[in-house]
């Protein structure tokens, strides 16, 4: 039997745990440092009929001003990273509470390629498989071999192999078919030591020209590029009080695409777009915002748009969730009226 050492706090403000620095209190709050803590917390929630919310780095989260009438589990599992070498491969098993960027840096410092383009993404390791985090042509799904999680249906810890996780663009079973069923406690990554970095994104190929950079050089370049776009969380920088990209790039029918072009008075090839599944077309949400008048540095009360990134809504100082909601609604309504497109919010909303 394990000793029950879990401390459950009451009425804890959630704002400091989010990168937006916004949000009311959690009715109950627990720091989860071990898998036993997690089992104790789930038992407490069930005994008291409380909903639960799993909180990692708080980088993709908008908490309402009323807070959350349940139990927030702050995932702080951060025991040692274990590694296994097998010929030309190395595997790292990383606890869910570990800082993602720190793990990326440690891998790049070993000269290992596979996640260097994912530098500077805020949050914890446990959050990365949930939305299959990706940037600059890489996704975590390429290197994840398994995910350890608590299955809330059976109240047992299980290991899910890569195939079972159902990875797709920004998707996995954890945020679609089995949303709310699993709580990730550790992730195992496998790297091929012979792999060389491949640069597919224009920002990076421009940066390096024809040279062959090391994973560590790419790590630093990616952080520089993210910083220039205001997508690096740096304490004290106003643009970094955001939840990253606030709107998803919409996927539309060819008819809507033609409508957007005619409304904007442009030919289709003058509009940034990419092919999507089923003959549909992905549009740049940032382009739609700018065309609708929501440009970098736009301000609406205490909320606004980053001076460096059109899609990042920011807390300009003491903003409330209501301020962010008001700006979001204004943008969504204007874009819908102008282009017949409903923009979808990217950050998770709590309360």
Protein backbone atom coordinates (compact mmCIF):
# COMPACT_ATOMS: atom_id res chain seq x y z
CA UNK A 1 0.00 0.00 0.00
CA UNK A 2 1.26 3.48 -0.78
CA UNK A 3 1.02 6.33 1.71
CA UNK A 4 -1.59 8.91 0.76
CA UNK A 5 0.47 12.12 0.67
CA UNK A 6 -1.53 14.10 -1.88
CA UNK A 7 -2.33 17.68 -0.81
CA UNK A 8 -5.59 19.01 -2.25
CA UNK A 9 -5.82 22.81 -2.21
CA UNK A 10 -8.97 24.91 -2.53
CA UNK A 11 -9.75 28.05 -4.56
CA UNK A 12 -6.41 28.29 -6.34
CA UNK A 13 -6.15 31.02 -9.02
CA UNK A 14 -5.40 29.46 -12.41
CA UNK A 15 -4.14 32.64 -14.11
CA UNK A 16 -0.48 32.14 -13.05
CA UNK A 17 -0.54 28.63 -14.56
CA UNK A 18 -1.46 29.89 -18.05
CA UNK A 19 0.67 31.77 -20.59
CA UNK A 20 -2.22 34.24 -21.13
CA UNK A 21 -2.12 34.98 -17.36
CA UNK A 22 -5.93 34.96 -17.32
CA UNK A 23 -8.53 32.96 -15.43
CA UNK A 24 -10.50 32.49 -12.23
CA UNK A 25 -9.94 29.91 -9.47
CA UNK A 26 -10.13 26.14 -9.43
CA UNK A 27 -12.48 24.88 -6.71
CA UNK A 28 -9.90 22.15 -5.98
CA UNK A 29 -6.29 21.89 -7.17
CA UNK A 30 -3.66 19.16 -6.82
CA UNK A 31 0.02 18.97 -7.84
CA UNK A 32 0.53 15.51 -9.38
CA UNK A 33 4.13 14.42 -8.81
CA UNK A 34 3.75 10.63 -8.99
CA UNK A 35 1.38 8.08 -10.52
CA UNK A 36 0.15 7.31 -6.98
CA UNK A 37 -0.76 11.01 -6.60
CA UNK A 38 -2.81 10.70 -9.77
CA UNK A 39 -4.72 7.66 -8.48
CA UNK A 40 -5.43 9.46 -5.18
CA UNK A 41 -6.65 12.57 -7.00
CA UNK A 42 -8.99 10.56 -9.24
CA UNK A 43 -10.38 8.76 -6.15
CA UNK A 44 -11.02 12.15 -4.47
CA UNK A 45 -12.78 13.51 -7.58
CA UNK A 46 -14.99 10.42 -7.90
CA UNK A 47 -15.88 10.38 -4.20
CA UNK A 48 -16.95 14.03 -4.41
CA UNK A 49 -18.57 13.88 -7.86
CA UNK A 50 -16.14 16.44 -9.31
CA UNK A 51 -15.20 16.96 -12.95
CA UNK A 52 -11.43 16.92 -13.54
CA UNK A 53 -9.19 18.98 -15.80
CA UNK A 54 -5.60 18.03 -16.63
CA UNK A 55 -3.26 21.06 -16.69
CA UNK A 56 0.21 20.93 -18.21
CA UNK A 57 2.11 24.05 -19.25
CA UNK A 58 -1.07 26.11 -19.75
CA UNK A 59 0.18 27.36 -23.13
CA UNK A 60 -2.90 26.44 -25.16
CA UNK A 61 -5.51 27.33 -22.58
CA UNK A 62 -8.11 30.03 -21.96
CA UNK A 63 -9.68 29.86 -18.48
CA UNK A 64 -12.95 31.71 -17.89
CA UNK A 65 -13.17 34.43 -15.23
CA UNK A 66 -15.49 32.19 -13.19
CA UNK A 67 -12.79 29.51 -13.04
CA UNK A 68 -13.51 25.78 -12.80
CA UNK A 69 -15.95 24.08 -10.42
CA UNK A 70 -13.95 20.88 -10.21
CA UNK A 71 -10.50 19.42 -9.54
CA UNK A 72 -7.54 20.67 -11.59
CA UNK A 73 -4.66 18.19 -11.83
CA UNK A 74 -1.41 20.08 -12.38
CA UNK A 75 0.86 17.51 -14.03
CA UNK A 76 4.22 17.94 -12.31
CA UNK A 77 5.55 14.39 -12.83
CA UNK A 78 9.20 15.16 -13.44
CA UNK A 79 11.31 12.19 -12.37
CA UNK A 80 14.47 11.37 -14.31
CA UNK A 81 14.47 10.82 -18.06
CA UNK A 82 15.58 7.25 -18.81
CA UNK A 83 17.43 6.26 -21.98
CA UNK A 84 18.04 2.92 -23.71
CA UNK A 85 20.62 2.50 -26.49
CA UNK A 86 20.03 -0.25 -29.05
CA UNK A 87 22.56 -0.28 -31.86
CA UNK A 88 22.04 2.85 -33.91
CA UNK A 89 18.86 3.82 -32.03
CA UNK A 90 18.28 5.58 -28.72
CA UNK A 91 15.04 5.74 -26.75
CA UNK A 92 14.15 8.32 -24.10
CA UNK A 93 11.23 7.89 -21.71
CA UNK A 94 10.25 11.33 -20.46
CA UNK A 95 7.80 12.15 -17.61
CA UNK A 96 4.68 14.13 -18.57
CA UNK A 97 5.60 17.14 -16.41
CA UNK A 98 9.01 17.73 -18.01
CA UNK A 99 9.44 21.03 -19.87
CA UNK A 100 9.21 20.29 -23.61
CA UNK A 101 11.81 22.83 -24.78
CA UNK A 102 14.36 21.60 -22.21
CA UNK A 103 13.98 18.05 -23.53
CA UNK A 104 14.39 19.26 -27.15
CA UNK A 105 17.56 21.13 -26.15
CA UNK A 106 19.06 18.09 -24.40
CA UNK A 107 18.44 15.89 -27.47
CA UNK A 108 19.96 18.50 -29.81
CA UNK A 109 23.00 18.88 -27.54
CA UNK A 110 23.62 15.15 -28.07
CA UNK A 111 23.74 15.85 -31.82
CA UNK A 112 20.54 13.85 -32.35
CA UNK A 113 18.05 14.86 -35.07
CA UNK A 114 14.28 14.39 -35.00
CA UNK A 115 12.71 17.16 -32.89
CA UNK A 116 15.03 20.15 -33.46
CA UNK A 117 12.32 22.03 -35.44
CA UNK A 118 10.02 21.78 -32.39
CA UNK A 119 12.25 24.04 -30.26
CA UNK A 120 10.63 26.90 -28.36
CA UNK A 121 7.15 25.38 -28.27
CA UNK A 122 5.82 26.10 -24.77
CA UNK A 123 4.29 23.46 -22.51
CA UNK A 124 5.12 20.04 -21.11
CA UNK A 125 6.05 16.72 -22.68
CA UNK A 126 2.71 15.18 -21.67
CA UNK A 127 0.82 17.62 -23.88
CA UNK A 128 2.79 16.89 -27.06
CA UNK A 129 1.10 13.61 -28.13
CA UNK A 130 -2.38 14.99 -27.39
CA UNK A 131 -2.38 17.40 -30.33
CA UNK A 132 0.53 15.78 -32.17
CA UNK A 133 2.57 18.97 -31.81
CA UNK A 134 4.26 20.05 -35.02
CA UNK A 135 6.19 22.97 -36.52
CA UNK A 136 8.53 23.70 -39.44
CA UNK A 137 7.91 20.34 -41.09
CA UNK A 138 8.28 18.06 -38.04
CA UNK A 139 5.67 16.37 -35.83
CA UNK A 140 6.19 14.52 -32.54
CA UNK A 141 4.40 11.49 -34.06
CA UNK A 142 7.55 10.83 -36.15
CA UNK A 143 9.60 10.01 -33.04
CA UNK A 144 7.04 8.83 -30.44
CA UNK A 145 7.02 5.04 -30.01
CA UNK A 146 4.65 4.80 -27.04
CA UNK A 147 2.61 6.78 -24.51
CA UNK A 148 2.05 5.70 -20.91
CA UNK A 149 -1.28 6.84 -19.53
CA UNK A 150 -3.91 6.26 -16.89
CA UNK A 151 -7.01 4.77 -18.53
CA UNK A 152 -9.88 6.35 -16.56
CA UNK A 153 -12.35 3.70 -17.78
CA UNK A 154 -10.40 0.86 -16.19
CA UNK A 155 -8.44 2.96 -13.64
CA UNK A 156 -5.23 1.21 -14.70
CA UNK A 157 -1.99 2.42 -16.28
CA UNK A 158 -1.47 1.25 -19.85
CA UNK A 159 1.06 1.71 -22.63
CA UNK A 160 -0.27 2.75 -26.04
CA UNK A 161 1.97 2.15 -29.06
CA UNK A 162 2.29 4.78 -31.79
CA UNK A 163 -0.36 3.12 -34.01
CA UNK A 164 -2.89 3.01 -31.16
CA UNK A 165 -2.49 6.79 -30.65
CA UNK A 166 -4.12 7.52 -34.03
CA UNK A 167 -1.84 10.42 -34.93
CA UNK A 168 -2.88 12.83 -37.72
CA UNK A 169 -2.33 16.56 -38.35
CA UNK A 170 -2.87 18.22 -34.91
CA UNK A 171 -4.88 15.16 -33.88
CA UNK A 172 -4.67 11.96 -31.84
CA UNK A 173 -7.17 9.74 -30.05
CA UNK A 174 -6.44 11.89 -26.97
CA UNK A 175 -8.19 14.95 -28.42
CA UNK A 176 -10.75 13.20 -30.65
CA UNK A 177 -12.30 9.73 -30.28
CA UNK A 178 -11.03 9.13 -26.71
CA UNK A 179 -10.97 12.71 -25.42
CA UNK A 180 -11.06 12.63 -21.62
CA UNK A 181 -10.36 8.90 -21.30
CA UNK A 182 -6.58 8.95 -20.80
CA UNK A 183 -4.19 11.01 -18.67
CA UNK A 184 -0.65 10.90 -20.07
CA UNK A 185 2.09 10.23 -17.47
CA UNK A 186 5.13 9.58 -19.72
CA UNK A 187 6.11 9.53 -23.39
CA UNK A 188 8.79 7.37 -25.06
CA UNK A 189 10.67 8.79 -28.06
CA UNK A 190 12.97 6.85 -30.41
CA UNK A 191 15.71 8.48 -32.47
CA UNK A 192 17.86 7.12 -35.28
CA UNK A 193 21.43 8.28 -34.51
CA UNK A 194 22.31 8.23 -38.23
CA UNK A 195 19.46 10.59 -39.17
CA UNK A 196 20.49 13.97 -40.60
CA UNK A 197 18.35 17.08 -40.26
CA UNK A 198 16.18 17.86 -43.29
CA UNK A 199 14.98 21.42 -43.73
CA UNK A 200 11.70 21.77 -45.62
CA UNK A 201 10.45 25.15 -44.41
CA UNK A 202 11.31 28.35 -46.31
CA UNK A 203 12.14 30.25 -43.08
CA UNK A 204 14.83 27.68 -42.26
CA UNK A 205 16.24 27.13 -45.74
CA UNK A 206 16.58 30.93 -46.05
CA UNK A 207 18.34 31.06 -42.69
CA UNK A 208 20.91 28.38 -43.53
CA UNK A 209 21.27 28.67 -47.30
CA UNK A 210 23.13 25.60 -48.57
CA UNK A 211 24.98 24.76 -45.36
CA UNK A 212 24.28 21.55 -43.41
CA UNK A 213 23.44 22.72 -39.89
CA UNK A 214 23.64 20.57 -36.77
CA UNK A 215 20.47 19.83 -34.75
CA UNK A 216 21.68 22.35 -32.13
CA UNK A 217 22.16 25.09 -34.75
CA UNK A 218 18.62 24.41 -36.02
CA UNK A 219 17.31 24.51 -32.43
CA UNK A 220 18.71 28.03 -31.96
CA UNK A 221 17.53 29.20 -35.41
CA UNK A 222 13.98 27.97 -34.76
CA UNK A 223 13.90 29.82 -31.44
CA UNK A 224 15.13 33.00 -33.16
CA UNK A 225 12.43 32.72 -35.84
CA UNK A 226 9.73 32.02 -33.22
CA UNK A 227 10.97 35.01 -31.21
CA UNK A 228 10.80 37.30 -34.26
CA UNK A 229 7.14 36.24 -34.66
CA UNK A 230 6.36 36.81 -30.98
CA UNK A 231 5.77 33.05 -30.48
CA UNK A 232 8.37 32.55 -27.77
CA UNK A 233 7.21 32.89 -24.17
CA UNK A 234 9.63 35.35 -22.58
CA UNK A 235 8.70 36.78 -19.18
CA UNK A 236 8.15 40.53 -19.37
CA UNK A 237 7.58 40.69 -23.13
CA UNK A 238 4.01 41.93 -23.75
CA UNK A 239 3.57 39.87 -26.92
CA UNK A 240 4.28 36.65 -25.06
CA UNK A 241 1.16 36.84 -22.86
CA UNK A 242 -0.73 34.79 -25.43
CA UNK A 243 -1.98 31.25 -26.03
CA UNK A 244 -0.16 30.95 -29.36
CA UNK A 245 -2.22 30.85 -32.55
CA UNK A 246 -5.79 31.60 -31.47
CA UNK A 247 -7.57 30.49 -34.66
CA UNK A 248 -7.15 27.34 -36.73
CA UNK A 249 -6.49 27.66 -40.45
CA UNK A 250 -9.95 27.01 -41.95
CA UNK A 251 -10.52 24.23 -44.47
CA UNK A 252 -13.14 25.24 -47.03
CA UNK A 253 -14.90 24.01 -50.19
CA UNK A 254 -13.72 25.23 -53.62
CA UNK A 255 -16.96 27.28 -53.82
CA UNK A 256 -16.14 29.19 -50.61
CA UNK A 257 -12.57 29.68 -51.85
CA UNK A 258 -13.92 31.25 -55.06
CA UNK A 259 -16.25 33.42 -52.98
CA UNK A 260 -13.34 34.63 -50.82
CA UNK A 261 -11.34 35.50 -53.95
CA UNK A 262 -14.20 37.44 -55.57
CA UNK A 263 -15.01 39.24 -52.29
CA UNK A 264 -11.35 40.25 -51.92
CA UNK A 265 -11.20 41.27 -55.60
CA UNK A 266 -8.28 38.90 -56.20
CA UNK A 267 -7.57 35.91 -58.38
CA UNK A 268 -7.36 32.60 -56.42
CA UNK A 269 -3.59 32.32 -56.98
CA UNK A 270 -3.10 35.64 -55.13
CA UNK A 271 -4.53 34.13 -51.92
CA UNK A 272 -2.33 31.93 -49.67
CA UNK A 273 -3.84 28.44 -49.78
CA UNK A 274 -2.90 24.74 -49.65
CA UNK A 275 -4.64 21.57 -50.80
CA UNK A 276 -6.52 19.67 -48.06
CA UNK A 277 -8.26 16.29 -47.87
CA UNK A 278 -11.30 15.56 -50.00
CA UNK A 279 -10.60 18.23 -52.61
CA UNK A 280 -11.00 21.00 -50.06
CA UNK A 281 -8.68 23.96 -49.54
CA UNK A 282 -6.85 25.20 -46.45
CA UNK A 283 -6.71 28.98 -46.09
CA UNK A 284 -4.43 31.10 -43.91
CA UNK A 285 -6.46 32.39 -40.97
CA UNK A 286 -3.92 35.23 -40.54
CA UNK A 287 -4.62 36.45 -44.08
CA UNK A 288 -8.38 36.48 -43.40
CA UNK A 289 -7.88 38.48 -40.18
CA UNK A 290 -5.70 41.06 -41.90
CA UNK A 291 -8.16 41.43 -44.81
CA UNK A 292 -10.95 41.96 -42.25
CA UNK A 293 -8.97 44.77 -40.58
CA UNK A 294 -7.45 42.85 -37.64
CA UNK A 295 -3.77 43.60 -38.13
CA UNK A 296 -0.70 43.14 -35.92
CA UNK A 297 -0.84 45.47 -32.92
CA UNK A 298 -4.65 45.85 -33.09
CA UNK A 299 -6.03 46.79 -29.67
CA UNK A 300 -9.49 46.44 -28.16
CA UNK A 301 -9.46 47.50 -24.54
CA UNK A 302 -7.10 45.32 -22.49
CA UNK A 303 -7.02 42.61 -25.17
CA UNK A 304 -5.28 42.87 -28.51
CA UNK A 305 -3.34 41.22 -31.31
CA UNK A 306 0.40 40.62 -30.99
CA UNK A 307 2.60 43.20 -32.73
CA UNK A 308 4.51 40.30 -34.31
CA UNK A 309 1.92 37.63 -35.09
CA UNK A 310 -1.58 38.24 -36.46
CA UNK A 311 -3.04 35.03 -34.99
CA UNK A 312 -1.88 35.59 -31.40
CA UNK A 313 -4.46 37.31 -29.20
CA UNK A 314 -2.69 38.87 -26.22
CA UNK A 315 -3.40 40.07 -22.71
CA UNK A 316 -2.27 43.72 -22.93
CA UNK A 317 -2.24 44.01 -19.12
CA UNK A 318 -4.87 42.92 -16.58
CA UNK A 319 -7.18 41.62 -19.32
CA UNK A 320 -9.96 39.27 -18.24
CA UNK A 321 -11.25 36.25 -20.14
CA UNK A 322 -14.28 38.41 -21.00
CA UNK A 323 -11.94 40.88 -22.76
CA UNK A 324 -10.41 38.06 -24.85
CA UNK A 325 -13.88 36.62 -25.59
CA UNK A 326 -15.09 40.03 -26.79
CA UNK A 327 -12.13 40.40 -29.18
CA UNK A 328 -12.51 36.79 -30.37
CA UNK A 329 -16.25 37.26 -31.04
CA UNK A 330 -15.67 40.52 -32.92
CA UNK A 331 -13.06 38.86 -35.15
CA UNK A 332 -15.20 35.77 -35.78
CA UNK A 333 -18.32 37.82 -36.62
CA UNK A 334 -16.43 40.18 -38.94
CA UNK A 335 -14.69 37.36 -40.83
CA UNK A 336 -17.97 35.45 -41.13
CA UNK A 337 -19.85 38.52 -42.43
CA UNK A 338 -17.11 39.35 -44.91
CA UNK A 339 -16.06 35.89 -46.14
CA UNK A 340 -18.75 33.40 -44.99
CA UNK A 341 -16.10 31.52 -42.98
CA UNK A 342 -16.48 30.56 -39.32
CA UNK A 343 -13.09 30.67 -37.62
CA UNK A 344 -12.52 27.98 -35.01
CA UNK A 345 -10.76 28.73 -31.72
CA UNK A 346 -7.51 26.82 -31.19
CA UNK A 347 -6.91 27.10 -27.40
CA UNK A 348 -8.79 24.78 -25.04
CA UNK A 349 -11.45 26.65 -23.09
CA UNK A 350 -12.04 25.86 -19.43
CA UNK A 351 -15.14 27.03 -17.59
